[in-house]
Amino acid sequence: MHFTRRTLALAPAAIALSLALPALAQAQDYAPSGITAFVAAGAGGGTDNFARTVQPMLEERLGIKMTIINLPAASGALAHQRTAQSAPDGESIEFASSTLITSRAAGQNPIGLDQLTPVARMQSDVLTLVVNTEKYDTLEDFLTYARDNPGQIVIGGTHAASVDRMAFLGLNEMTGLDLAYIPYDNEGSASANLLSGNIDGMFNEISAIQGYMESGKMKPILALADERLAAYPDLPTTVENGWDLTFGNERGVFINAETPPETIAAIEAVFEDIFKSEDYQVYARKANLDVRPGWLGSADYRVVLEENLAYFEKLLASE
C-alpha cells in the first residue's frame, strides 16, 4: 500500500496565518546571488517545460538570474549527482520527476534521499492506461481479452526504470493478469507502436495524450486515481476496481540534503508563492496538470517519496 499525499489535519485560520508569517519572513531573508538549476531530463519534455515555466517567476521574486542545465543522461542520475555535490547554500537546485525514485528503486541511481532532499512537489500528473480505439473501447473489453489470452497482451512505456513500468508491474500484481511490457527509449516511440497496433496499450500521463484523445486515435480506459477525475467523469479508476494503485508522475524541486533547514524552508515558501500565483495556475490548466492537487511542502513530499520508493522496490523484487 502507498499514498499519493499525506492526510493532514485542518488547522484553524488563525493558526494557519501564524504559521504562514514565519515562512514569508524566511522567504524574504533568502537572497541568493544566483541559482543554477539542474534538470534531470532533456529539453522539451514535461520536466524541462516545468523548469522553464517557473524560471522567470523565480527570477522575478528573488531578483536574480537562474541558469538551467539539462542533464538527462542515465535517467537523470548525473543531475542528481551534481545537485548532491553542490554547495549546500541554496544556490543549486534540481527539477526532477518520479524517475528520481523509480531509478533509485531499480538500482540505476546512486543518489538517495539521504543526499537529496525535496523542497516541494508542484505537480502530480495522473497516469492512465491508454489504448488504440480500433482495438479496445472500454476497460472491460481490455480485461476480458487479457483474461482470455494470458501472456498475449503487450503494454508499452518509457524505459525499464520508469514510472510507466512501475504502473505496469502494479497492475499485473493487483489484477493477477499476465501482461508483458516493452520499454521504449521515448514516449514518441511508444505512441507510434500503439497507433500501429504493435502493442495493446501503454501507460502515459493524462496531460501528454490530449492531442491523441481529441483525434480519436487513442483513449484512456483506466486512471490510477482514488476517485473519478472531475474533468473525466467517465474514466474508471483503479481504486473503484479494488486496486490500490494511485501514484503518478510527480515533478518537484530538490536540493542538497545538507542545506540548512531554514534555507530549505525559505525556498519552499518561494515555490509555494509561485504555485499559488495566477501565472502558474494558468500554465497548469493549459498543460492539464491541475487534474488533481499538485502542491506538497518539503516534509510531506518526503513522506510520499519514501512510501513510493519502498513500494517500487517491493514491485521490482517480486518480478
Protein backbone atom coordinates (compact mmCIF):
# COMPACT_ATOMS: atom_id res chain seq x y z
CA MET A 1 0.00 0.00 0.00
CA HIS A 2 1.21 3.51 -0.69
CA PHE A 3 -0.14 7.02 -0.67
CA THR A 4 -0.08 9.97 -3.02
CA ARG A 5 -0.34 12.56 -0.27
CA ARG A 6 -0.30 12.71 3.45
CA THR A 7 -3.55 13.17 5.37
CA LEU A 8 -3.29 16.45 7.23
CA ALA A 9 -5.44 17.91 9.96
CA LEU A 10 -7.01 21.26 9.08
CA ALA A 11 -5.84 23.98 11.43
CA PRO A 12 -7.99 26.99 12.36
CA ALA A 13 -7.46 30.04 10.18
CA ALA A 14 -5.68 31.96 12.93
CA ILE A 15 -3.14 29.18 13.46
CA ALA A 16 -2.58 28.83 9.71
CA LEU A 17 -1.86 32.53 9.44
CA SER A 18 0.59 32.44 12.34
CA LEU A 19 2.44 29.58 10.66
CA ALA A 20 2.49 31.29 7.29
CA LEU A 21 4.07 34.52 8.53
CA PRO A 22 7.44 32.98 9.55
CA ALA A 23 7.65 31.23 6.19
CA LEU A 24 7.09 34.52 4.37
CA ALA A 25 9.74 36.16 6.53
CA GLN A 26 12.14 33.33 5.72
CA ALA A 27 11.49 33.77 2.03
CA GLN A 28 12.32 37.47 2.31
CA ASP A 29 15.59 36.61 4.08
CA TYR A 30 16.61 34.20 1.31
CA ALA A 31 18.87 36.21 -1.01
CA PRO A 32 20.99 34.04 -3.31
CA SER A 33 23.38 35.75 -5.73
CA GLY A 34 22.05 33.45 -8.46
CA ILE A 35 20.69 29.94 -8.93
CA THR A 36 21.89 27.01 -11.00
CA ALA A 37 19.03 24.64 -11.76
CA PHE A 38 19.85 21.13 -12.91
CA VAL A 39 17.03 19.47 -14.86
CA ALA A 40 17.02 15.69 -14.70
CA ALA A 41 15.53 15.41 -18.20
CA GLY A 42 16.11 16.54 -21.77
CA ALA A 43 14.93 19.74 -23.37
CA GLY A 44 11.29 19.94 -24.42
CA GLY A 45 9.82 17.35 -22.06
CA GLY A 46 7.45 17.84 -19.15
CA THR A 47 10.13 18.38 -16.51
CA ASP A 48 12.05 20.82 -18.72
CA ASN A 49 8.86 22.75 -19.52
CA PHE A 50 8.10 22.89 -15.80
CA ALA A 51 11.55 24.32 -15.02
CA ARG A 52 11.43 26.90 -17.81
CA THR A 53 7.92 27.99 -16.86
CA VAL A 54 8.99 28.55 -13.27
CA GLN A 55 12.29 30.25 -14.21
CA PRO A 56 11.02 33.81 -14.82
CA MET A 57 8.69 33.59 -11.81
CA LEU A 58 11.59 32.65 -9.55
CA GLU A 59 13.88 35.26 -11.06
CA GLU A 60 11.29 37.98 -10.56
CA ARG A 61 10.66 37.10 -6.92
CA LEU A 62 14.33 36.81 -5.98
CA GLY A 63 15.79 39.43 -8.31
CA ILE A 64 18.40 37.01 -9.60
CA LYS A 65 19.32 35.04 -12.72
CA MET A 66 18.62 31.32 -12.83
CA THR A 67 20.72 29.19 -15.18
CA ILE A 68 19.15 25.94 -16.39
CA ILE A 69 21.36 22.95 -17.21
CA ASN A 70 19.70 19.87 -18.73
CA LEU A 71 21.33 16.60 -17.66
CA PRO A 72 19.14 13.75 -18.97
CA ALA A 73 21.84 11.05 -19.09
CA ALA A 74 21.30 7.82 -17.14
CA SER A 75 17.69 8.66 -16.30
CA GLY A 76 18.81 11.93 -14.74
CA ALA A 77 21.42 10.34 -12.45
CA LEU A 78 24.04 12.93 -13.44
CA ALA A 79 21.68 15.75 -12.44
CA HIS A 80 21.10 14.08 -9.08
CA GLN A 81 24.86 13.72 -8.53
CA ARG A 82 25.59 17.32 -9.47
CA THR A 83 22.90 18.56 -7.11
CA ALA A 84 24.05 16.33 -4.25
CA GLN A 85 27.65 17.51 -4.73
CA SER A 86 26.79 21.21 -4.94
CA ALA A 87 27.42 23.63 -2.11
CA PRO A 88 24.56 23.46 0.43
CA ASP A 89 23.90 27.18 0.20
CA GLY A 90 20.58 27.29 -1.64
CA GLU A 91 22.14 28.38 -4.93
CA SER A 92 21.89 24.99 -6.66
CA ILE A 93 18.55 23.22 -7.06
CA GLU A 94 17.16 20.42 -9.19
CA PHE A 95 13.92 19.94 -11.09
CA ALA A 96 13.10 16.23 -11.24
CA SER A 97 10.24 13.81 -11.80
CA SER A 98 9.32 10.47 -10.24
CA THR A 99 12.18 8.96 -12.23
CA LEU A 100 14.40 10.02 -9.33
CA ILE A 101 12.65 7.39 -7.20
CA THR A 102 11.96 4.73 -9.83
CA SER A 103 15.59 4.70 -11.00
CA ARG A 104 16.71 4.52 -7.38
CA ALA A 105 14.43 1.53 -6.79
CA ALA A 106 15.85 -0.16 -9.89
CA GLY A 107 19.45 0.34 -8.74
CA GLN A 108 20.25 2.73 -11.59
CA ASN A 109 20.60 5.86 -9.48
CA PRO A 110 23.21 6.01 -6.69
CA ILE A 111 21.73 9.14 -5.13
CA GLY A 112 19.11 8.63 -2.44
CA LEU A 113 17.05 10.84 -0.15
CA ASP A 114 19.98 10.97 2.26
CA GLN A 115 21.87 13.07 -0.29
CA LEU A 116 18.98 14.90 -1.95
CA THR A 117 16.01 16.28 -0.09
CA PRO A 118 12.74 17.59 -1.53
CA VAL A 119 11.91 21.27 -1.37
CA ALA A 120 8.40 20.98 -2.79
CA ARG A 121 6.16 18.98 -5.10
CA MET A 122 4.49 21.14 -7.74
CA GLN A 123 2.80 18.56 -9.99
CA SER A 124 1.07 15.21 -9.51
CA ASP A 125 0.19 14.10 -13.01
CA VAL A 126 -2.29 11.25 -13.38
CA LEU A 127 -1.11 8.07 -15.08
CA THR A 128 -3.58 6.33 -17.36
CA LEU A 129 -3.74 3.08 -19.27
CA VAL A 130 -4.15 4.16 -22.87
CA VAL A 131 -5.36 2.04 -25.80
CA ASN A 132 -5.82 2.31 -29.54
CA THR A 133 -9.51 2.92 -30.10
CA GLU A 134 -9.51 0.47 -33.02
CA LYS A 135 -8.63 -2.39 -30.65
CA TYR A 136 -10.49 -1.64 -27.41
CA ASP A 137 -13.34 0.60 -26.44
CA THR A 138 -13.63 0.07 -22.69
CA LEU A 139 -11.66 -1.24 -19.73
CA GLU A 140 -13.91 -4.29 -19.65
CA ASP A 141 -13.06 -5.06 -23.28
CA PHE A 142 -9.38 -4.90 -22.43
CA LEU A 143 -9.68 -7.01 -19.27
CA THR A 144 -11.80 -9.65 -20.98
CA TYR A 145 -9.27 -10.07 -23.78
CA ALA A 146 -6.38 -10.14 -21.29
CA ARG A 147 -8.02 -12.85 -19.20
CA ASP A 148 -8.91 -14.92 -22.27
CA ASN A 149 -5.42 -14.54 -23.76
CA PRO A 150 -2.86 -14.75 -20.94
CA GLY A 151 0.60 -13.60 -21.94
CA GLN A 152 -0.63 -12.09 -25.20
CA ILE A 153 -1.29 -8.52 -24.09
CA VAL A 154 1.71 -6.22 -24.52
CA ILE A 155 1.98 -2.89 -22.72
CA GLY A 156 4.48 -0.23 -23.74
CA GLY A 157 6.08 2.60 -21.87
CA THR A 158 9.27 4.52 -21.48
CA HIS A 159 12.44 2.88 -20.17
CA ALA A 160 12.63 -0.07 -17.80
CA ALA A 161 13.11 2.09 -14.71
CA SER A 162 10.23 4.46 -15.43
CA VAL A 163 7.04 5.22 -13.58
CA ASP A 164 5.27 3.65 -16.59
CA ARG A 165 6.87 0.31 -15.80
CA MET A 166 6.02 0.61 -12.11
CA ALA A 167 2.39 1.13 -13.13
CA PHE A 168 2.60 -1.96 -15.34
CA LEU A 169 4.07 -4.06 -12.51
CA GLY A 170 1.49 -2.77 -10.07
CA LEU A 171 -1.40 -3.53 -12.40
CA ASN A 172 -0.08 -7.03 -13.04
CA GLU A 173 0.20 -7.65 -9.31
CA MET A 174 -3.17 -6.17 -8.36
CA THR A 175 -5.19 -7.81 -11.15
CA GLY A 176 -3.37 -11.13 -11.42
CA LEU A 177 -3.19 -10.64 -15.18
CA ASP A 178 -0.29 -11.93 -17.26
CA LEU A 179 0.73 -8.81 -19.18
CA ALA A 180 4.03 -8.24 -20.98
CA TYR A 181 5.99 -4.99 -21.08
CA ILE A 182 8.16 -3.40 -23.77
CA PRO A 183 10.30 -0.39 -22.78
CA TYR A 184 10.91 2.29 -25.40
CA ASP A 185 13.57 4.97 -25.47
CA ASN A 186 10.99 7.72 -25.51
CA GLU A 187 7.30 8.45 -25.31
CA GLY A 188 7.02 9.08 -29.05
CA SER A 189 8.18 5.55 -29.90
CA ALA A 190 5.66 4.03 -27.50
CA SER A 191 2.87 6.11 -29.01
CA ALA A 192 3.87 5.16 -32.57
CA ASN A 193 3.82 1.47 -31.71
CA LEU A 194 0.43 1.78 -30.06
CA LEU A 195 -1.01 3.56 -33.10
CA SER A 196 0.44 0.93 -35.45
CA GLY A 197 -1.04 -1.91 -33.41
CA ASN A 198 2.29 -3.40 -32.33
CA ILE A 199 1.31 -3.11 -28.68
CA ASP A 200 -2.07 -3.27 -26.94
CA GLY A 201 -1.71 -0.36 -24.58
CA MET A 202 0.68 2.00 -22.87
CA PHE A 203 0.89 3.94 -19.65
CA ASN A 204 1.09 7.68 -20.08
CA GLU A 205 0.30 10.88 -18.27
CA ILE A 206 -3.11 12.28 -18.98
CA SER A 207 -1.52 15.64 -19.80
CA ALA A 208 0.53 14.05 -22.59
CA ILE A 209 -2.21 12.41 -24.67
CA GLN A 210 -4.62 15.28 -25.21
CA GLY A 211 -3.93 15.54 -28.95
CA TYR A 212 -4.45 11.81 -29.49
CA MET A 213 -7.65 11.90 -27.47
CA GLU A 214 -9.00 14.81 -29.49
CA SER A 215 -8.21 12.99 -32.75
CA GLY A 216 -9.99 9.86 -31.52
CA LYS A 217 -6.95 7.67 -32.15
CA MET A 218 -6.28 6.90 -28.50
CA LYS A 219 -8.29 6.88 -25.32
CA PRO A 220 -7.56 6.32 -21.65
CA ILE A 221 -9.53 3.43 -20.18
CA LEU A 222 -8.17 3.48 -16.62
CA ALA A 223 -6.85 6.22 -14.33
CA LEU A 224 -4.52 5.49 -11.43
CA ALA A 225 -6.57 7.52 -9.00
CA ASP A 226 -8.66 7.34 -5.85
CA GLU A 227 -11.76 8.94 -7.33
CA ARG A 228 -13.03 9.72 -10.79
CA LEU A 229 -11.47 12.86 -12.16
CA ALA A 230 -13.81 15.83 -12.42
CA ALA A 231 -12.56 16.56 -15.93
CA TYR A 232 -13.02 12.92 -16.99
CA PRO A 233 -16.07 11.60 -15.13
CA ASP A 234 -16.48 8.58 -17.43
CA LEU A 235 -12.94 7.31 -16.87
CA PRO A 236 -12.84 4.36 -14.42
CA THR A 237 -10.23 4.38 -11.67
CA THR A 238 -8.03 1.74 -10.14
CA VAL A 239 -9.44 2.20 -6.65
CA GLU A 240 -13.06 1.76 -7.73
CA ASN A 241 -11.94 -1.57 -9.20
CA GLY A 242 -10.37 -2.58 -5.91
CA TRP A 243 -6.74 -1.92 -6.92
CA ASP A 244 -4.75 0.27 -4.52
CA LEU A 245 -2.68 1.86 -7.26
CA THR A 246 -2.75 5.62 -7.31
CA PHE A 247 0.73 7.01 -7.93
CA GLY A 248 1.51 9.17 -10.93
CA ASN A 249 4.38 11.11 -12.42
CA GLU A 250 5.24 13.77 -9.89
CA ARG A 251 7.52 16.74 -10.50
CA GLY A 252 9.20 18.78 -7.86
CA VAL A 253 12.23 20.68 -6.66
CA PHE A 254 15.18 19.11 -4.82
CA ILE A 255 18.33 20.34 -3.10
CA ASN A 256 21.49 19.08 -1.40
CA ALA A 257 20.33 17.33 1.78
CA GLU A 258 22.98 19.18 3.83
CA THR A 259 21.33 22.53 3.10
CA PRO A 260 20.29 24.21 6.37
CA PRO A 261 16.61 23.63 7.24
CA GLU A 262 15.91 27.35 7.38
CA THR A 263 17.21 27.77 3.81
CA ILE A 264 15.07 24.88 2.59
CA ALA A 265 12.03 26.39 4.33
CA ALA A 266 12.70 29.75 2.68
CA ILE A 267 12.98 28.23 -0.80
CA GLU A 268 9.83 26.18 -0.16
CA ALA A 269 7.97 29.38 0.70
CA VAL A 270 9.05 30.98 -2.58
CA PHE A 271 7.86 27.98 -4.59
CA GLU A 272 4.57 27.88 -2.71
CA ASP A 273 4.03 31.50 -3.65
CA ILE A 274 4.80 30.63 -7.28
CA PHE A 275 2.43 27.65 -7.18
CA LYS A 276 -0.43 29.78 -5.89
CA SER A 277 0.15 32.53 -8.46
CA GLU A 278 -2.25 33.08 -11.35
CA ASP A 279 0.59 32.74 -13.87
CA TYR A 280 1.49 29.27 -12.63
CA GLN A 281 -2.12 28.14 -12.39
CA VAL A 282 -2.79 29.28 -15.97
CA TYR A 283 0.15 27.16 -17.10
CA ALA A 284 -1.10 24.19 -15.08
CA ARG A 285 -4.57 24.43 -16.59
CA LYS A 286 -3.28 24.74 -20.16
CA ALA A 287 -0.99 21.74 -19.67
CA ASN A 288 -3.74 19.69 -17.94
CA LEU A 289 -1.60 19.49 -14.81
CA ASP A 290 -4.40 20.57 -12.49
CA VAL A 291 -6.42 17.35 -12.74
CA ARG A 292 -5.51 16.60 -9.13
CA PRO A 293 -3.75 18.70 -6.47
CA GLY A 294 -0.03 19.07 -7.04
CA TRP A 295 1.34 21.02 -4.10
CA LEU A 296 3.16 19.35 -1.22
CA GLY A 297 5.68 21.00 1.05
CA SER A 298 9.09 19.54 1.83
CA ALA A 299 8.17 17.29 4.78
CA ASP A 300 5.00 15.88 3.25
CA TYR A 301 6.65 15.32 -0.12
CA ARG A 302 9.42 13.33 1.59
CA VAL A 303 6.81 11.04 3.16
CA VAL A 304 5.30 10.33 -0.27
CA LEU A 305 8.71 9.73 -1.85
CA GLU A 306 9.76 7.32 0.87
CA GLU A 307 6.50 5.38 0.66
CA ASN A 308 6.63 5.14 -3.12
CA LEU A 309 10.31 4.13 -3.07
CA ALA A 310 9.54 1.24 -0.73
CA TYR A 311 6.60 0.19 -2.90
CA PHE A 312 8.61 0.30 -6.14
CA GLU A 313 11.41 -1.71 -4.56
CA LYS A 314 8.85 -4.31 -3.50
CA LEU A 315 7.38 -4.49 -7.01
CA LEU A 316 10.79 -4.98 -8.61
CA ALA A 317 11.81 -7.59 -6.05
CA SER A 318 8.69 -9.67 -6.73
CA GLU A 319 9.16 -9.85 -10.53
